[in-house]
Amino acid sequence: MREEKDSLGRELLPEDAVFWIHAPRSSANFPSSGEKINPEFIKTCFMMKKAAAVTNCKMQFAVAS
């Protein structure tokens, strides 16, 4: 186990954990409902993020030119 700390205190995490202290805190404060997320919702979120990333990239090149 490894010990992580933040402004709220200390927490023990597994040695091989790839996350920091915020993940177990979040899980404790916002427990999962067990409901599955609609795959269309995930696809829509991905499409919006992709559109924002493409637009951001185009804007950066437009400003730099």
C-alpha atoms as a PDB file:
ATOM      1  CA  MET A   1       0.000   0.000   0.000  1.00  0.00           C
ATOM      2  CA  ARG A   2       1.094   3.571  -0.598  1.00  0.00           C
ATOM      3  CA  GLU A   3      -0.079   6.627   1.248  1.00  0.00           C
ATOM      4  CA  GLU A   4      -1.383   9.652  -0.648  1.00  0.00           C
ATOM      5  CA  LYS A   5      -2.385  12.932   0.915  1.00  0.00           C
ATOM      6  CA  ASP A   6      -4.295  16.050  -0.042  1.00  0.00           C
ATOM      7  CA  SER A   7      -5.961  18.953   1.735  1.00  0.00           C
ATOM      8  CA  LEU A   8      -8.638  16.603   3.126  1.00  0.00           C
ATOM      9  CA  GLY A   9      -6.229  14.138   4.690  1.00  0.00           C
ATOM     10  CA  ARG A  10      -4.462  10.886   3.947  1.00  0.00           C
ATOM     11  CA  GLU A  11      -5.617   7.746   2.166  1.00  0.00           C
ATOM     12  CA  LEU A  12      -4.015   4.356   1.601  1.00  0.00           C
ATOM     13  CA  LEU A  13      -4.010   3.181  -2.006  1.00  0.00           C
ATOM     14  CA  PRO A  14      -2.811  -0.074  -3.554  1.00  0.00           C
ATOM     15  CA  GLU A  15       0.853   0.109  -4.539  1.00  0.00           C
ATOM     16  CA  ASP A  16       0.058  -0.616  -8.206  1.00  0.00           C
ATOM     17  CA  ALA A  17      -2.857   1.870  -8.420  1.00  0.00           C
ATOM     18  CA  VAL A  18      -2.683   4.104 -11.494  1.00  0.00           C
ATOM     19  CA  PHE A  19      -4.930   6.725  -9.867  1.00  0.00           C
ATOM     20  CA  TRP A  20      -4.332   9.298  -7.157  1.00  0.00           C
ATOM     21  CA  ILE A  21      -6.267  10.066  -4.002  1.00  0.00           C
ATOM     22  CA  HIS A  22      -9.140  11.813  -5.817  1.00  0.00           C
ATOM     23  CA  ALA A  23     -10.590   8.642  -7.361  1.00  0.00           C
ATOM     24  CA  PRO A  24     -11.402   6.808  -4.102  1.00  0.00           C
ATOM     25  CA  ARG A  25     -12.680  10.053  -2.553  1.00  0.00           C
ATOM     26  CA  SER A  26     -15.006  10.567  -5.491  1.00  0.00           C
ATOM     27  CA  SER A  27     -16.241   6.971  -5.330  1.00  0.00           C
ATOM     28  CA  ALA A  28     -16.992   7.351  -1.624  1.00  0.00           C
ATOM     29  CA  ASN A  29     -18.859  10.637  -2.094  1.00  0.00           C
ATOM     30  CA  PHE A  30     -20.735   9.718  -5.269  1.00  0.00           C
ATOM     31  CA  PRO A  31     -21.624   6.017  -5.166  1.00  0.00           C
ATOM     32  CA  SER A  32     -22.585   4.318  -8.419  1.00  0.00           C
ATOM     33  CA  SER A  33     -26.290   3.800  -9.035  1.00  0.00           C
ATOM     34  CA  GLY A  34     -25.655   0.574 -10.930  1.00  0.00           C
ATOM     35  CA  GLU A  35     -27.473   1.951 -13.970  1.00  0.00           C
ATOM     36  CA  LYS A  36     -25.817   1.406 -17.330  1.00  0.00           C
ATOM     37  CA  ILE A  37     -25.120   4.428 -19.513  1.00  0.00           C
ATOM     38  CA  ASN A  38     -26.892   4.426 -22.853  1.00  0.00           C
ATOM     39  CA  PRO A  39     -24.311   3.729 -25.608  1.00  0.00           C
ATOM     40  CA  GLU A  40     -25.896   6.452 -27.771  1.00  0.00           C
ATOM     41  CA  PHE A  41     -25.237   8.968 -24.986  1.00  0.00           C
ATOM     42  CA  ILE A  42     -21.570   7.946 -24.884  1.00  0.00           C
ATOM     43  CA  LYS A  43     -21.336   8.212 -28.673  1.00  0.00           C
ATOM     44  CA  THR A  44     -22.962  11.663 -28.612  1.00  0.00           C
ATOM     45  CA  CYS A  45     -20.557  12.878 -25.901  1.00  0.00           C
ATOM     46  CA  PHE A  46     -17.629  11.608 -27.963  1.00  0.00           C
ATOM     47  CA  MET A  47     -18.889  13.364 -31.075  1.00  0.00           C
ATOM     48  CA  MET A  48     -19.269  16.673 -29.185  1.00  0.00           C
ATOM     49  CA  LYS A  49     -15.776  16.389 -27.685  1.00  0.00           C
ATOM     50  CA  LYS A  50     -14.321  15.581 -31.093  1.00  0.00           C
ATOM     51  CA  ALA A  51     -16.107  18.548 -32.697  1.00  0.00           C
ATOM     52  CA  ALA A  52     -14.808  20.851 -29.949  1.00  0.00           C
ATOM     53  CA  ALA A  53     -11.255  19.534 -30.367  1.00  0.00           C
ATOM     54  CA  VAL A  54     -11.327  19.935 -34.158  1.00  0.00           C
ATOM     55  CA  THR A  55     -12.746  23.470 -33.841  1.00  0.00           C
ATOM     56  CA  ASN A  56     -10.161  24.388 -31.221  1.00  0.00           C
ATOM     57  CA  CYS A  57      -7.354  23.110 -33.444  1.00  0.00           C
ATOM     58  CA  LYS A  58      -8.672  25.059 -36.445  1.00  0.00           C
ATOM     59  CA  MET A  59      -8.997  28.232 -34.344  1.00  0.00           C
ATOM     60  CA  GLN A  60      -5.429  27.928 -33.092  1.00  0.00           C
ATOM     61  CA  PHE A  61      -4.111  27.645 -36.638  1.00  0.00           C
ATOM     62  CA  ALA A  62      -6.306  30.553 -37.781  1.00  0.00           C
ATOM     63  CA  VAL A  63      -4.957  32.800 -35.015  1.00  0.00           C
ATOM     64  CA  ALA A  64      -1.358  31.725 -35.665  1.00  0.00           C
ATOM     65  CA  SER A  65      -1.621  32.532 -39.393  1.00  0.00           C
END
